[in-house]
Amino acid sequence: MIKVIVFDFDLTLVDSFRALHRAWRDFEKFHHVSFFKIPEKKIWGMPKELVFKKIAQQSGHKLDWQQIRDLGIGYTKKHFAHLKIRAKAMLKEFKRKKIKIGIVSYNFYSTVSAVLKNPANRNIKFDFIFTSDKNSKKKKHQFLNHILKLYKIKKNELIYIGDHSQDIEAAKKAGVISAAVATGLFSMEQLKKCKPDILISKLIELKKYVQ
């Protein structure tokens, strides 16, 4: 029986692709800092503070990485504030079944919060939100281990779902049920090679696997 479902955020719970690209364009326009010297699949799977450190190293810009980060967060929050959470009816159904739902993300807590404050999303209540900037910069598998202890559950009672190969790796490293959804930069065929326990094309399909 599944007791906890943990969701990755970007490209899993929300379609943040265009919003993040708009934020990057704004940043590049006003500050002349390029994000695309880093391969995009690495950007989406990398802790965001590390992204900004790499940008600072590559750009040779007068701004240090913390200043680049703070400016970047501002642009990102602006564009993310309009995003809607996917499969809201399914999430409500999980809550009715007394299943805990939460978020583990390498995005910033303030960015995730901006999305959740959207009136369209306010009726979805997550039991926990863990982000690397607010929680001792842990890696995803460490968050999953923490959640297992927090709710005193067995590993086969927790599903972690994400769109990135690194999400599957994190679930496997923590020993929990791995679920992959092809709503990001990886196709079904690419995700299948990572051998997740569950492989779906749309987030709403997850409910078929939750008993």
N, C-alpha and C. Protein backbone atom coordinates (compact mmCIF):
# COMPACT_ATOMS: atom_id res chain seq x y z
N MET A 1 0.85 -1.21 0.00
CA MET A 1 0.00 0.00 0.00
C MET A 1 0.88 1.25 0.00
N ILE A 2 0.59 2.16 -0.90
CA ILE A 2 1.37 3.39 -0.99
C ILE A 2 0.88 4.39 0.05
N LYS A 3 1.83 4.92 0.82
CA LYS A 3 1.49 5.88 1.87
C LYS A 3 2.00 7.29 1.58
N VAL A 4 3.06 7.39 0.77
CA VAL A 4 3.65 8.70 0.45
C VAL A 4 4.02 8.72 -1.02
N ILE A 5 3.68 9.82 -1.69
CA ILE A 5 4.11 10.04 -3.07
C ILE A 5 4.88 11.35 -3.12
N VAL A 6 6.10 11.28 -3.63
CA VAL A 6 6.98 12.43 -3.71
C VAL A 6 7.12 12.81 -5.19
N PHE A 7 6.91 14.08 -5.46
CA PHE A 7 6.96 14.58 -6.84
C PHE A 7 8.17 15.48 -7.05
N ASP A 8 8.86 15.25 -8.17
CA ASP A 8 9.77 16.28 -8.66
C ASP A 8 8.89 17.46 -9.09
N PHE A 9 9.48 18.62 -9.24
CA PHE A 9 8.68 19.81 -9.53
C PHE A 9 8.71 20.19 -11.01
N ASP A 10 9.85 20.69 -11.47
CA ASP A 10 9.95 21.18 -12.85
C ASP A 10 9.75 20.06 -13.87
N LEU A 11 8.86 20.30 -14.81
CA LEU A 11 8.54 19.40 -15.91
C LEU A 11 7.82 18.13 -15.47
N THR A 12 7.60 17.99 -14.17
CA THR A 12 6.81 16.87 -13.64
C THR A 12 5.47 17.39 -13.14
N LEU A 13 5.50 18.18 -12.09
CA LEU A 13 4.25 18.76 -11.56
C LEU A 13 3.79 19.96 -12.37
N VAL A 14 4.73 20.69 -12.93
CA VAL A 14 4.37 21.88 -13.73
C VAL A 14 5.15 21.88 -15.03
N ASP A 15 4.54 22.44 -16.06
CA ASP A 15 5.20 22.58 -17.35
C ASP A 15 5.97 23.89 -17.36
N SER A 16 7.15 23.84 -16.77
CA SER A 16 7.91 25.07 -16.53
C SER A 16 8.91 25.38 -17.63
N PHE A 17 8.89 24.62 -18.71
CA PHE A 17 9.89 24.79 -19.77
C PHE A 17 9.87 26.21 -20.32
N ARG A 18 8.71 26.67 -20.80
CA ARG A 18 8.63 28.01 -21.40
C ARG A 18 8.88 29.10 -20.36
N ALA A 19 8.37 28.90 -19.15
CA ALA A 19 8.54 29.91 -18.11
C ALA A 19 10.01 30.12 -17.78
N LEU A 20 10.76 29.02 -17.68
CA LEU A 20 12.18 29.16 -17.37
C LEU A 20 12.94 29.78 -18.53
N HIS A 21 12.57 29.42 -19.75
CA HIS A 21 13.23 30.02 -20.90
C HIS A 21 12.97 31.53 -20.97
N ARG A 22 11.74 31.94 -20.63
CA ARG A 22 11.43 33.38 -20.61
C ARG A 22 12.27 34.09 -19.54
N ALA A 23 12.42 33.44 -18.39
CA ALA A 23 13.23 34.03 -17.32
C ALA A 23 14.68 34.16 -17.78
N TRP A 24 15.21 33.14 -18.43
CA TRP A 24 16.57 33.21 -18.94
C TRP A 24 16.73 34.33 -19.97
N ARG A 25 15.75 34.46 -20.86
CA ARG A 25 15.83 35.52 -21.88
C ARG A 25 15.83 36.90 -21.25
N ASP A 26 14.98 37.08 -20.24
CA ASP A 26 14.97 38.36 -19.51
C ASP A 26 16.34 38.64 -18.91
N PHE A 27 16.89 37.63 -18.28
CA PHE A 27 18.19 37.80 -17.62
C PHE A 27 19.27 38.15 -18.63
N GLU A 28 19.30 37.40 -19.73
CA GLU A 28 20.32 37.65 -20.75
C GLU A 28 20.18 39.04 -21.37
N LYS A 29 18.94 39.46 -21.55
CA LYS A 29 18.67 40.76 -22.16
C LYS A 29 19.19 41.91 -21.32
N PHE A 30 18.95 41.81 -20.01
CA PHE A 30 19.28 42.94 -19.14
C PHE A 30 20.67 42.85 -18.50
N HIS A 31 21.25 41.65 -18.49
CA HIS A 31 22.53 41.49 -17.78
C HIS A 31 23.62 40.87 -18.64
N HIS A 32 23.29 40.48 -19.86
CA HIS A 32 24.29 39.96 -20.80
C HIS A 32 25.05 38.76 -20.23
N VAL A 33 24.30 37.85 -19.62
CA VAL A 33 24.86 36.61 -19.09
C VAL A 33 24.18 35.45 -19.81
N SER A 34 24.98 34.55 -20.36
CA SER A 34 24.41 33.45 -21.13
C SER A 34 24.24 32.20 -20.27
N PHE A 35 23.05 31.59 -20.34
CA PHE A 35 22.77 30.36 -19.62
C PHE A 35 23.12 29.13 -20.47
N PHE A 36 23.17 29.27 -21.78
CA PHE A 36 23.20 28.11 -22.63
C PHE A 36 24.59 27.61 -22.96
N LYS A 37 25.58 28.01 -22.18
CA LYS A 37 26.89 27.38 -22.26
C LYS A 37 26.87 26.04 -21.52
N ILE A 38 25.83 25.82 -20.71
CA ILE A 38 25.65 24.56 -19.99
C ILE A 38 24.62 23.74 -20.76
N PRO A 39 24.89 22.46 -21.05
CA PRO A 39 23.90 21.63 -21.75
C PRO A 39 22.57 21.63 -21.00
N GLU A 40 21.48 21.77 -21.76
CA GLU A 40 20.19 21.99 -21.12
C GLU A 40 19.74 20.84 -20.23
N LYS A 41 20.01 19.60 -20.62
CA LYS A 41 19.62 18.48 -19.77
C LYS A 41 20.32 18.51 -18.42
N LYS A 42 21.54 19.07 -18.41
CA LYS A 42 22.26 19.20 -17.14
C LYS A 42 21.66 20.32 -16.30
N ILE A 43 21.25 21.41 -16.95
CA ILE A 43 20.63 22.51 -16.22
C ILE A 43 19.39 22.03 -15.47
N TRP A 44 18.53 21.25 -16.16
CA TRP A 44 17.28 20.80 -15.54
C TRP A 44 17.51 19.77 -14.44
N GLY A 45 18.65 19.10 -14.44
CA GLY A 45 18.89 18.09 -13.43
C GLY A 45 19.90 18.50 -12.38
N MET A 46 20.26 19.75 -12.36
CA MET A 46 21.34 20.23 -11.50
C MET A 46 20.80 21.13 -10.39
N PRO A 47 21.31 21.02 -9.17
CA PRO A 47 20.93 21.99 -8.12
C PRO A 47 21.15 23.41 -8.62
N LYS A 48 20.16 24.28 -8.40
CA LYS A 48 20.19 25.59 -9.04
C LYS A 48 21.34 26.47 -8.58
N GLU A 49 21.76 26.33 -7.33
CA GLU A 49 22.90 27.13 -6.89
C GLU A 49 24.16 26.73 -7.68
N LEU A 50 24.28 25.45 -7.98
CA LEU A 50 25.42 25.00 -8.78
C LEU A 50 25.33 25.55 -10.20
N VAL A 51 24.11 25.63 -10.73
CA VAL A 51 23.91 26.24 -12.05
C VAL A 51 24.47 27.65 -12.07
N PHE A 52 24.10 28.45 -11.08
CA PHE A 52 24.53 29.85 -11.07
C PHE A 52 26.04 29.98 -10.83
N LYS A 53 26.62 29.06 -10.07
CA LYS A 53 28.07 29.07 -9.90
C LYS A 53 28.77 28.81 -11.22
N LYS A 54 28.25 27.85 -11.98
CA LYS A 54 28.84 27.54 -13.28
C LYS A 54 28.68 28.71 -14.26
N ILE A 55 27.51 29.35 -14.22
CA ILE A 55 27.28 30.51 -15.08
C ILE A 55 28.28 31.61 -14.76
N ALA A 56 28.49 31.86 -13.47
CA ALA A 56 29.43 32.90 -13.06
C ALA A 56 30.84 32.57 -13.53
N GLN A 57 31.25 31.30 -13.42
CA GLN A 57 32.59 30.89 -13.85
C GLN A 57 32.77 31.07 -15.35
N GLN A 58 31.74 30.75 -16.11
CA GLN A 58 31.86 30.76 -17.57
C GLN A 58 31.71 32.15 -18.17
N SER A 59 30.96 33.00 -17.48
CA SER A 59 30.64 34.29 -18.08
C SER A 59 31.74 35.33 -17.91
N GLY A 60 32.49 35.21 -16.82
CA GLY A 60 33.48 36.24 -16.53
C GLY A 60 32.82 37.57 -16.23
N HIS A 61 31.56 37.53 -15.78
CA HIS A 61 30.79 38.74 -15.54
C HIS A 61 31.23 39.39 -14.23
N LYS A 62 31.00 40.68 -14.12
CA LYS A 62 31.38 41.40 -12.90
C LYS A 62 30.52 41.00 -11.71
N LEU A 63 29.31 40.47 -11.98
CA LEU A 63 28.46 39.99 -10.89
C LEU A 63 29.00 38.67 -10.36
N ASP A 64 28.98 38.50 -9.03
CA ASP A 64 29.37 37.20 -8.49
C ASP A 64 28.18 36.24 -8.56
N TRP A 65 28.40 34.97 -8.23
CA TRP A 65 27.35 33.98 -8.46
C TRP A 65 26.13 34.22 -7.58
N GLN A 66 26.33 34.75 -6.36
CA GLN A 66 25.17 35.04 -5.50
C GLN A 66 24.30 36.15 -6.08
N GLN A 67 24.94 37.16 -6.67
CA GLN A 67 24.17 38.23 -7.30
C GLN A 67 23.42 37.72 -8.54
N ILE A 68 24.10 36.88 -9.31
CA ILE A 68 23.44 36.27 -10.47
C ILE A 68 22.26 35.41 -10.01
N ARG A 69 22.48 34.64 -8.94
CA ARG A 69 21.40 33.81 -8.38
C ARG A 69 20.21 34.65 -7.96
N ASP A 70 20.45 35.70 -7.20
CA ASP A 70 19.35 36.51 -6.67
C ASP A 70 18.56 37.19 -7.80
N LEU A 71 19.25 37.68 -8.79
CA LEU A 71 18.57 38.27 -9.94
C LEU A 71 17.79 37.20 -10.70
N GLY A 72 18.42 36.05 -10.88
CA GLY A 72 17.76 34.95 -11.59
C GLY A 72 16.50 34.49 -10.90
N ILE A 73 16.52 34.42 -9.57
CA ILE A 73 15.33 34.02 -8.82
C ILE A 73 14.19 35.00 -9.07
N GLY A 74 14.52 36.28 -9.11
CA GLY A 74 13.48 37.28 -9.34
C GLY A 74 12.79 37.10 -10.68
N TYR A 75 13.59 36.90 -11.74
CA TYR A 75 13.00 36.69 -13.05
C TYR A 75 12.21 35.38 -13.11
N THR A 76 12.72 34.35 -12.45
CA THR A 76 12.05 33.05 -12.47
C THR A 76 10.71 33.11 -11.75
N LYS A 77 10.69 33.72 -10.59
CA LYS A 77 9.42 33.84 -9.84
C LYS A 77 8.37 34.57 -10.66
N LYS A 78 8.77 35.60 -11.38
CA LYS A 78 7.85 36.38 -12.20
C LYS A 78 7.13 35.50 -13.21
N HIS A 79 7.88 34.64 -13.88
CA HIS A 79 7.29 33.81 -14.93
C HIS A 79 6.63 32.54 -14.40
N PHE A 80 7.12 32.04 -13.27
CA PHE A 80 6.54 30.83 -12.69
C PHE A 80 5.22 31.08 -11.99
N ALA A 81 4.97 32.31 -11.59
CA ALA A 81 3.78 32.62 -10.80
C ALA A 81 2.47 32.30 -11.53
N HIS A 82 2.55 32.12 -12.84
CA HIS A 82 1.34 31.86 -13.62
C HIS A 82 1.15 30.38 -13.96
N LEU A 83 2.06 29.53 -13.53
CA LEU A 83 1.98 28.12 -13.88
C LEU A 83 0.90 27.39 -13.09
N LYS A 84 0.30 26.39 -13.71
CA LYS A 84 -0.73 25.58 -13.05
C LYS A 84 -0.19 24.16 -12.82
N ILE A 85 -0.54 23.61 -11.69
CA ILE A 85 -0.13 22.25 -11.35
C ILE A 85 -0.90 21.25 -12.19
N ARG A 86 -0.21 20.23 -12.65
CA ARG A 86 -0.84 19.18 -13.44
C ARG A 86 -1.63 18.20 -12.56
N ALA A 87 -2.62 17.56 -13.17
CA ALA A 87 -3.35 16.44 -12.57
C ALA A 87 -3.87 16.76 -11.17
N LYS A 88 -4.48 17.92 -11.01
CA LYS A 88 -4.95 18.34 -9.69
C LYS A 88 -6.03 17.41 -9.13
N ALA A 89 -6.91 16.91 -9.98
CA ALA A 89 -7.94 15.99 -9.51
C ALA A 89 -7.32 14.72 -8.93
N MET A 90 -6.27 14.23 -9.56
CA MET A 90 -5.57 13.05 -9.05
C MET A 90 -4.93 13.33 -7.70
N LEU A 91 -4.31 14.50 -7.55
CA LEU A 91 -3.68 14.86 -6.28
C LEU A 91 -4.72 14.94 -5.17
N LYS A 92 -5.87 15.50 -5.47
CA LYS A 92 -6.95 15.58 -4.48
C LYS A 92 -7.42 14.19 -4.09
N GLU A 93 -7.48 13.29 -5.08
CA GLU A 93 -7.89 11.91 -4.81
C GLU A 93 -6.90 11.23 -3.88
N PHE A 94 -5.61 11.45 -4.10
CA PHE A 94 -4.60 10.89 -3.20
C PHE A 94 -4.79 11.40 -1.78
N LYS A 95 -5.09 12.69 -1.65
CA LYS A 95 -5.29 13.27 -0.32
C LYS A 95 -6.52 12.66 0.36
N ARG A 96 -7.58 12.42 -0.41
CA ARG A 96 -8.78 11.80 0.15
C ARG A 96 -8.50 10.39 0.65
N LYS A 97 -7.54 9.73 0.00
CA LYS A 97 -7.14 8.38 0.40
C LYS A 97 -6.14 8.39 1.55
N LYS A 98 -5.87 9.58 2.11
CA LYS A 98 -4.93 9.76 3.22
C LYS A 98 -3.48 9.46 2.82
N ILE A 99 -3.17 9.61 1.55
CA ILE A 99 -1.80 9.47 1.07
C ILE A 99 -1.10 10.83 1.20
N LYS A 100 0.06 10.83 1.79
CA LYS A 100 0.84 12.06 1.89
C LYS A 100 1.44 12.39 0.52
N ILE A 101 1.37 13.65 0.14
CA ILE A 101 1.99 14.08 -1.12
C ILE A 101 2.94 15.24 -0.84
N GLY A 102 4.06 15.24 -1.53
CA GLY A 102 5.04 16.30 -1.30
C GLY A 102 5.93 16.52 -2.49
N ILE A 103 6.80 17.50 -2.37
CA ILE A 103 7.68 17.93 -3.45
C ILE A 103 9.13 17.85 -2.99
N VAL A 104 9.98 17.29 -3.85
CA VAL A 104 11.42 17.35 -3.68
C VAL A 104 11.99 17.93 -4.97
N SER A 105 12.69 19.05 -4.86
CA SER A 105 13.11 19.76 -6.07
C SER A 105 14.45 20.42 -5.88
N TYR A 106 15.19 20.53 -6.99
CA TYR A 106 16.41 21.32 -6.99
C TYR A 106 16.13 22.79 -7.32
N ASN A 107 14.87 23.12 -7.58
CA ASN A 107 14.52 24.53 -7.79
C ASN A 107 14.53 25.23 -6.43
N PHE A 108 14.43 26.55 -6.45
CA PHE A 108 14.44 27.30 -5.20
C PHE A 108 13.07 27.28 -4.54
N TYR A 109 13.08 27.30 -3.21
CA TYR A 109 11.83 27.26 -2.46
C TYR A 109 10.93 28.43 -2.83
N SER A 110 11.51 29.59 -3.01
CA SER A 110 10.70 30.77 -3.33
C SER A 110 10.03 30.64 -4.69
N THR A 111 10.69 29.96 -5.63
CA THR A 111 10.10 29.74 -6.95
C THR A 111 8.94 28.76 -6.86
N VAL A 112 9.14 27.66 -6.13
CA VAL A 112 8.06 26.68 -5.92
C VAL A 112 6.88 27.36 -5.23
N SER A 113 7.16 28.17 -4.22
CA SER A 113 6.10 28.87 -3.48
C SER A 113 5.32 29.82 -4.38
N ALA A 114 6.01 30.46 -5.32
CA ALA A 114 5.34 31.38 -6.25
C ALA A 114 4.28 30.64 -7.06
N VAL A 115 4.59 29.41 -7.47
CA VAL A 115 3.62 28.60 -8.20
C VAL A 115 2.44 28.23 -7.30
N LEU A 116 2.72 27.81 -6.09
CA LEU A 116 1.66 27.36 -5.19
C LEU A 116 0.75 28.50 -4.75
N LYS A 117 1.23 29.73 -4.85
CA LYS A 117 0.41 30.89 -4.49
C LYS A 117 -0.53 31.30 -5.62
N ASN A 118 -0.33 30.75 -6.80
CA ASN A 118 -1.25 31.00 -7.90
C ASN A 118 -2.64 30.56 -7.46
N PRO A 119 -3.67 31.43 -7.56
CA PRO A 119 -5.03 31.06 -7.13
C PRO A 119 -5.51 29.74 -7.71
N ALA A 120 -5.05 29.40 -8.89
CA ALA A 120 -5.46 28.14 -9.53
C ALA A 120 -4.91 26.92 -8.80
N ASN A 121 -3.89 27.12 -7.96
CA ASN A 121 -3.23 26.00 -7.28
C ASN A 121 -3.47 25.96 -5.77
N ARG A 122 -4.13 26.95 -5.23
CA ARG A 122 -4.21 27.08 -3.77
C ARG A 122 -5.02 25.98 -3.10
N ASN A 123 -5.87 25.28 -3.84
CA ASN A 123 -6.67 24.22 -3.22
C ASN A 123 -5.93 22.88 -3.20
N ILE A 124 -4.67 22.87 -3.63
CA ILE A 124 -3.83 21.69 -3.52
C ILE A 124 -2.87 21.89 -2.36
N LYS A 125 -2.98 21.05 -1.35
CA LYS A 125 -2.17 21.19 -0.15
C LYS A 125 -1.13 20.06 -0.08
N PHE A 126 0.12 20.43 -0.20
CA PHE A 126 1.19 19.45 -0.10
C PHE A 126 1.61 19.31 1.36
N ASP A 127 1.96 18.09 1.74
CA ASP A 127 2.33 17.81 3.12
C ASP A 127 3.75 18.25 3.44
N PHE A 128 4.59 18.33 2.44
CA PHE A 128 5.96 18.78 2.66
C PHE A 128 6.53 19.28 1.33
N ILE A 129 7.50 20.19 1.45
CA ILE A 129 8.25 20.70 0.30
C ILE A 129 9.71 20.77 0.71
N PHE A 130 10.56 20.04 0.01
CA PHE A 130 11.98 20.08 0.29
C PHE A 130 12.73 20.57 -0.95
N THR A 131 13.50 21.61 -0.77
CA THR A 131 14.34 22.15 -1.85
C THR A 131 15.76 22.27 -1.35
N SER A 132 16.71 22.19 -2.27
CA SER A 132 18.12 22.14 -1.86
C SER A 132 18.60 23.42 -1.20
N ASP A 133 17.97 24.56 -1.50
CA ASP A 133 18.43 25.82 -0.90
C ASP A 133 17.91 26.01 0.53
N LYS A 134 16.83 25.32 0.89
CA LYS A 134 16.24 25.48 2.22
C LYS A 134 16.57 24.33 3.17
N ASN A 135 17.14 23.26 2.64
CA ASN A 135 17.32 22.07 3.45
C ASN A 135 18.73 21.50 3.35
N SER A 136 19.69 22.30 3.74
CA SER A 136 21.08 21.88 3.87
C SER A 136 21.68 21.33 2.58
N LYS A 137 21.11 21.77 1.43
CA LYS A 137 21.67 21.37 0.13
C LYS A 137 21.81 19.86 -0.02
N LYS A 138 20.83 19.13 0.48
CA LYS A 138 20.85 17.67 0.35
C LYS A 138 20.62 17.26 -1.10
N LYS A 139 21.08 16.07 -1.44
CA LYS A 139 20.78 15.48 -2.73
C LYS A 139 19.42 14.78 -2.63
N LYS A 140 18.84 14.47 -3.79
CA LYS A 140 17.47 13.97 -3.80
C LYS A 140 17.31 12.66 -3.04
N HIS A 141 18.25 11.75 -3.18
CA HIS A 141 18.11 10.48 -2.45
C HIS A 141 18.19 10.69 -0.94
N GLN A 142 18.91 11.72 -0.51
CA GLN A 142 18.97 12.02 0.93
C GLN A 142 17.64 12.57 1.43
N PHE A 143 16.97 13.38 0.60
CA PHE A 143 15.63 13.83 0.95
C PHE A 143 14.69 12.64 1.09
N LEU A 144 14.77 11.70 0.16
CA LEU A 144 13.89 10.53 0.20
C LEU A 144 14.14 9.70 1.44
N ASN A 145 15.39 9.53 1.82
CA ASN A 145 15.69 8.81 3.06
C ASN A 145 15.14 9.53 4.27
N HIS A 146 15.21 10.85 4.25
CA HIS A 146 14.66 11.65 5.35
C HIS A 146 13.14 11.47 5.44
N ILE A 147 12.47 11.44 4.30
CA ILE A 147 11.00 11.29 4.28
C ILE A 147 10.60 9.92 4.80
N LEU A 148 11.36 8.89 4.47
CA LEU A 148 11.09 7.55 4.99
C LEU A 148 11.11 7.55 6.52
N LYS A 149 12.10 8.22 7.08
CA LYS A 149 12.22 8.30 8.54
C LYS A 149 11.14 9.19 9.13
N LEU A 150 10.85 10.29 8.44
CA LEU A 150 9.87 11.25 8.94
C LEU A 150 8.50 10.61 9.13
N TYR A 151 8.08 9.80 8.16
CA TYR A 151 6.75 9.18 8.22
C TYR A 151 6.78 7.74 8.69
N LYS A 152 7.97 7.24 9.02
CA LYS A 152 8.14 5.88 9.56
C LYS A 152 7.47 4.85 8.65
N ILE A 153 7.83 4.90 7.38
CA ILE A 153 7.24 4.00 6.41
C ILE A 153 8.31 3.11 5.78
N LYS A 154 7.86 2.04 5.12
CA LYS A 154 8.76 1.14 4.42
C LYS A 154 9.07 1.71 3.04
N LYS A 155 10.16 1.23 2.48
CA LYS A 155 10.60 1.75 1.18
C LYS A 155 9.59 1.46 0.08
N ASN A 156 8.88 0.32 0.17
CA ASN A 156 7.90 -0.01 -0.87
C ASN A 156 6.57 0.69 -0.67
N GLU A 157 6.53 1.61 0.29
CA GLU A 157 5.33 2.41 0.53
C GLU A 157 5.49 3.84 0.02
N LEU A 158 6.62 4.12 -0.60
CA LEU A 158 6.89 5.47 -1.11
C LEU A 158 7.22 5.40 -2.61
N ILE A 159 6.56 6.27 -3.38
CA ILE A 159 6.86 6.45 -4.80
C ILE A 159 7.52 7.80 -4.99
N TYR A 160 8.62 7.82 -5.73
CA TYR A 160 9.19 9.10 -6.15
C TYR A 160 9.09 9.18 -7.66
N ILE A 161 8.42 10.23 -8.16
CA ILE A 161 8.21 10.38 -9.59
C ILE A 161 8.86 11.66 -10.11
N GLY A 162 9.57 11.51 -11.22
CA GLY A 162 10.21 12.65 -11.87
C GLY A 162 10.36 12.42 -13.35
N ASP A 163 10.79 13.45 -14.04
CA ASP A 163 10.91 13.39 -15.50
C ASP A 163 12.34 13.18 -15.97
N HIS A 164 13.29 13.21 -15.06
CA HIS A 164 14.71 13.21 -15.41
C HIS A 164 15.34 11.87 -15.03
N SER A 165 16.36 11.47 -15.76
CA SER A 165 17.07 10.23 -15.42
C SER A 165 17.64 10.28 -14.00
N GLN A 166 18.02 11.47 -13.55
CA GLN A 166 18.56 11.60 -12.20
C GLN A 166 17.50 11.31 -11.13
N ASP A 167 16.23 11.56 -11.46
CA ASP A 167 15.16 11.25 -10.50
C ASP A 167 15.04 9.73 -10.31
N ILE A 168 15.17 8.99 -11.39
CA ILE A 168 15.14 7.53 -11.30
C ILE A 168 16.32 7.04 -10.48
N GLU A 169 17.49 7.60 -10.74
CA GLU A 169 18.69 7.22 -10.01
C GLU A 169 18.54 7.50 -8.51
N ALA A 170 17.94 8.64 -8.18
CA ALA A 170 17.74 9.01 -6.77
C ALA A 170 16.82 8.01 -6.08
N ALA A 171 15.72 7.65 -6.74
CA ALA A 171 14.78 6.68 -6.17
C ALA A 171 15.45 5.34 -5.95
N LYS A 172 16.21 4.90 -6.93
CA LYS A 172 16.90 3.61 -6.81
C LYS A 172 17.94 3.65 -5.69
N LYS A 173 18.62 4.77 -5.56
CA LYS A 173 19.64 4.90 -4.52
C LYS A 173 19.02 4.86 -3.13
N ALA A 174 17.81 5.40 -3.01
CA ALA A 174 17.10 5.38 -1.73
C ALA A 174 16.34 4.07 -1.52
N GLY A 175 16.21 3.27 -2.58
CA GLY A 175 15.53 2.00 -2.48
C GLY A 175 14.02 2.08 -2.51
N VAL A 176 13.48 3.22 -2.94
CA VAL A 176 12.02 3.39 -3.01
C VAL A 176 11.52 3.09 -4.42
N ILE A 177 10.23 3.12 -4.61
CA ILE A 177 9.65 2.85 -5.92
C ILE A 177 9.95 4.02 -6.85
N SER A 178 10.55 3.72 -7.99
CA SER A 178 10.90 4.76 -8.95
C SER A 178 9.84 4.87 -10.03
N ALA A 179 9.41 6.09 -10.31
CA ALA A 179 8.43 6.34 -11.37
C ALA A 179 8.96 7.45 -12.26
N ALA A 180 8.83 7.25 -13.56
CA ALA A 180 9.31 8.24 -14.52
C ALA A 180 8.16 8.65 -15.43
N VAL A 181 8.08 9.95 -15.70
CA VAL A 181 7.05 10.48 -16.58
C VAL A 181 7.71 11.26 -17.70
N ALA A 182 7.30 10.97 -18.93
CA ALA A 182 7.95 11.55 -20.10
C ALA A 182 7.36 12.91 -20.46
N THR A 183 7.43 13.84 -19.52
CA THR A 183 6.91 15.20 -19.76
C THR A 183 8.03 16.23 -19.77
N GLY A 184 9.27 15.74 -19.81
CA GLY A 184 10.41 16.65 -19.80
C GLY A 184 11.26 16.49 -21.05
N LEU A 185 12.57 16.52 -20.86
CA LEU A 185 13.51 16.47 -21.98
C LEU A 185 13.85 15.04 -22.39
N PHE A 186 13.38 14.04 -21.64
CA PHE A 186 13.68 12.65 -21.94
C PHE A 186 12.44 11.96 -22.50
N SER A 187 12.62 11.19 -23.56
CA SER A 187 11.52 10.45 -24.17
C SER A 187 11.22 9.18 -23.37
N MET A 188 10.10 8.53 -23.71
CA MET A 188 9.76 7.26 -23.07
C MET A 188 10.89 6.25 -23.28
N GLU A 189 11.43 6.20 -24.48
CA GLU A 189 12.49 5.25 -24.80
C GLU A 189 13.75 5.52 -23.97
N GLN A 190 14.09 6.80 -23.81
CA GLN A 190 15.27 7.15 -23.03
C GLN A 190 15.08 6.82 -21.56
N LEU A 191 13.90 7.10 -21.03
CA LEU A 191 13.62 6.82 -19.62
C LEU A 191 13.56 5.31 -19.37
N LYS A 192 13.04 4.57 -20.33
CA LYS A 192 12.94 3.12 -20.19
C LYS A 192 14.30 2.49 -19.98
N LYS A 193 15.33 3.05 -20.60
CA LYS A 193 16.69 2.52 -20.46
C LYS A 193 17.19 2.63 -19.02
N CYS A 194 16.61 3.57 -18.26
CA CYS A 194 17.00 3.75 -16.86
C CYS A 194 16.30 2.75 -15.94
N LYS A 195 15.38 1.96 -16.50
CA LYS A 195 14.67 0.89 -15.80
C LYS A 195 13.91 1.37 -14.55
N PRO A 196 13.01 2.34 -14.70
CA PRO A 196 12.16 2.72 -13.56
C PRO A 196 11.14 1.63 -13.27
N ASP A 197 10.63 1.60 -12.06
CA ASP A 197 9.60 0.62 -11.71
C ASP A 197 8.28 0.95 -12.43
N ILE A 198 8.04 2.24 -12.63
CA ILE A 198 6.83 2.71 -13.31
C ILE A 198 7.25 3.68 -14.40
N LEU A 199 6.68 3.53 -15.58
CA LEU A 199 6.97 4.45 -16.68
C LEU A 199 5.66 4.89 -17.32
N ILE A 200 5.42 6.20 -17.34
CA ILE A 200 4.17 6.74 -17.86
C ILE A 200 4.45 7.92 -18.77
N SER A 201 3.49 8.20 -19.64
CA SER A 201 3.65 9.32 -20.58
C SER A 201 3.07 10.62 -20.04
N LYS A 202 2.06 10.52 -19.16
CA LYS A 202 1.43 11.69 -18.56
C LYS A 202 1.28 11.46 -17.06
N LEU A 203 1.33 12.55 -16.30
CA LEU A 203 1.28 12.44 -14.85
C LEU A 203 -0.01 11.78 -14.36
N ILE A 204 -1.13 12.07 -15.01
CA ILE A 204 -2.43 11.54 -14.59
C ILE A 204 -2.44 10.02 -14.57
N GLU A 205 -1.56 9.39 -15.36
CA GLU A 205 -1.52 7.93 -15.44
C GLU A 205 -0.99 7.29 -14.16
N LEU A 206 -0.39 8.08 -13.28
CA LEU A 206 0.16 7.54 -12.05
C LEU A 206 -0.90 6.88 -11.18
N LYS A 207 -2.12 7.38 -11.22
CA LYS A 207 -3.18 6.87 -10.34
C LYS A 207 -3.45 5.39 -10.59
N LYS A 208 -3.13 4.88 -11.76
CA LYS A 208 -3.34 3.46 -12.05
C LYS A 208 -2.43 2.57 -11.20
N TYR A 209 -1.34 3.14 -10.70
CA TYR A 209 -0.35 2.35 -9.98
C TYR A 209 -0.42 2.54 -8.46
N VAL A 210 -1.36 3.35 -8.01
CA VAL A 210 -1.44 3.67 -6.58
C VAL A 210 -2.63 2.91 -5.97
N GLN A 211 -2.31 2.01 -5.08
CA GLN A 211 -3.35 1.21 -4.42
C GLN A 211 -3.50 1.68 -2.96
